[in-house]
Protein backbone atom coordinates (compact mmCIF):
# COMPACT_ATOMS: atom_id res chain seq x y z
CA MET A 1 0.00 0.00 0.00
CA LYS A 2 2.82 2.34 0.84
CA LYS A 3 4.51 1.69 -2.52
CA LYS A 4 1.30 2.38 -4.42
CA MET A 5 0.76 5.65 -2.57
CA LEU A 6 4.35 6.72 -3.24
CA PHE A 7 3.95 5.81 -6.90
CA LEU A 8 0.73 7.81 -7.23
CA MET A 9 2.25 10.82 -5.49
CA SER A 10 5.31 10.69 -7.72
CA LEU A 11 3.00 10.85 -10.72
CA ALA A 12 0.67 13.51 -9.33
CA ALA A 13 3.27 15.91 -7.91
CA PRO A 14 4.79 16.99 -11.25
CA LEU A 15 1.32 17.56 -12.66
CA LEU A 16 0.38 19.84 -9.80
CA ILE A 17 3.66 21.75 -9.75
CA ALA A 18 4.22 22.08 -13.52
CA GLY A 19 1.17 24.31 -14.05
CA THR A 20 2.88 27.35 -12.59
CA ALA A 21 5.98 26.83 -14.68
CA PHE A 22 4.01 27.41 -17.88
CA ALA A 23 2.13 30.48 -16.63
CA GLN A 24 2.67 33.51 -18.84
CA ASP A 25 1.06 36.78 -19.74
CA ALA A 26 -1.64 36.78 -22.38
CA VAL A 27 0.19 39.48 -24.36
CA GLY A 28 2.66 38.09 -26.89
CA SER A 29 1.66 34.49 -26.45
CA ASN A 30 0.46 34.25 -30.04
CA GLU A 31 3.96 34.62 -31.50
CA ASN A 32 5.29 31.93 -29.18
CA ASP A 33 2.39 29.64 -30.00
CA VAL A 34 2.92 30.04 -33.73
CA SER A 35 6.66 29.40 -33.51
CA MET A 36 6.04 26.39 -31.26
CA ALA A 37 3.49 24.98 -33.71
CA LYS A 38 5.94 25.50 -36.58
CA ALA A 39 8.67 23.67 -34.69
CA ILE A 40 6.40 20.75 -33.84
CA GLY A 41 5.14 20.57 -37.43
CA ALA A 42 8.69 20.66 -38.78
CA ALA A 43 9.79 17.92 -36.42
CA LEU A 44 6.85 15.72 -37.38
CA ALA A 45 7.40 16.35 -41.09
CA ILE A 46 11.07 15.46 -41.13
CA GLY A 47 10.47 12.52 -38.79
CA LEU A 48 7.80 11.06 -41.06
CA ALA A 49 9.94 11.69 -44.14
CA ALA A 50 12.95 9.96 -42.60
CA PHE A 51 10.82 7.07 -41.35
CA GLY A 52 9.18 6.53 -44.73
CA GLY A 53 12.45 6.89 -46.59
CA SER A 54 14.21 4.38 -44.38
CA LEU A 55 11.37 1.88 -44.82
CA GLY A 56 11.52 2.34 -48.59
CA GLN A 57 15.29 1.96 -48.68
CA GLY A 58 15.16 -1.15 -46.53
CA ARG A 59 12.57 -2.81 -48.74
CA ALA A 60 14.39 -1.85 -51.93
CA ALA A 61 17.70 -3.21 -50.67
CA ALA A 62 16.05 -6.40 -49.40
CA ALA A 63 14.33 -7.01 -52.73
CA ALA A 64 17.52 -6.39 -54.69
CA LEU A 65 19.57 -8.67 -52.45
CA GLU A 66 16.94 -11.38 -52.68
CA GLY A 67 16.99 -11.10 -56.46
CA ILE A 68 20.78 -11.33 -56.51
CA ALA A 69 20.69 -14.32 -54.16
CA ARG A 70 18.25 -16.15 -56.44
CA ASN A 71 20.18 -15.33 -59.59
CA PRO A 72 23.79 -14.23 -59.00
CA ASN A 73 24.32 -13.63 -62.74
CA ALA A 74 21.76 -10.80 -62.64
CA SER A 75 23.67 -8.77 -60.07
CA GLY A 76 24.93 -6.33 -62.71
CA LYS A 77 21.41 -5.71 -63.96
CA LEU A 78 19.99 -5.20 -60.47
CA PHE A 79 22.74 -3.09 -58.93
CA VAL A 80 22.39 0.11 -60.99
CA PRO A 81 18.57 0.40 -60.72
CA MET A 82 18.81 -0.32 -56.98
CA ILE A 83 21.38 2.45 -56.43
CA LEU A 84 19.30 4.82 -58.57
CA GLY A 85 16.16 4.01 -56.56
CA LEU A 86 17.98 4.47 -53.26
CA ALA A 87 19.32 7.83 -54.42
CA LEU A 88 15.83 8.99 -55.42
CA ILE A 89 14.37 7.90 -52.07
CA GLU A 90 17.14 9.73 -50.23
CA SER A 91 16.60 12.85 -52.35
CA LEU A 92 12.94 12.93 -51.28
CA VAL A 93 13.98 12.89 -47.63
CA ILE A 94 16.47 15.70 -48.25
CA TYR A 95 13.75 17.61 -50.14
CA ALA A 96 11.51 17.32 -47.05
CA LEU A 97 14.36 18.68 -44.92
CA VAL A 98 14.82 21.65 -47.27
CA ILE A 99 11.10 22.43 -47.18
CA VAL A 100 11.15 22.31 -43.37
CA PHE A 101 14.02 24.81 -43.24
CA VAL A 102 12.37 27.11 -45.79
CA LYS A 103 9.06 27.15 -43.88
CA MET A 104 10.71 27.84 -40.53
């Protein structure tokens, strides 16, 4: 019982105390809110772009390696399109990063 009470208090105390830390005047809060929303949006955008790009690169590399493993003579025909595809996927992630920096 004592451990449960200590656990609940350790969760509740920061919630009760943290409210005063975020108190601010109503004047000028709009600029901070807008910049905060931009930062959160930029972080989500680049995070999703990197996550999607890494999934695409992983699947492309896995498919190319599986094709090479099934037919080693086709490695020359699979290597160049795989590298080109990986470069295009990576360029989309870099494009998302550029857009994030331009919009900030």
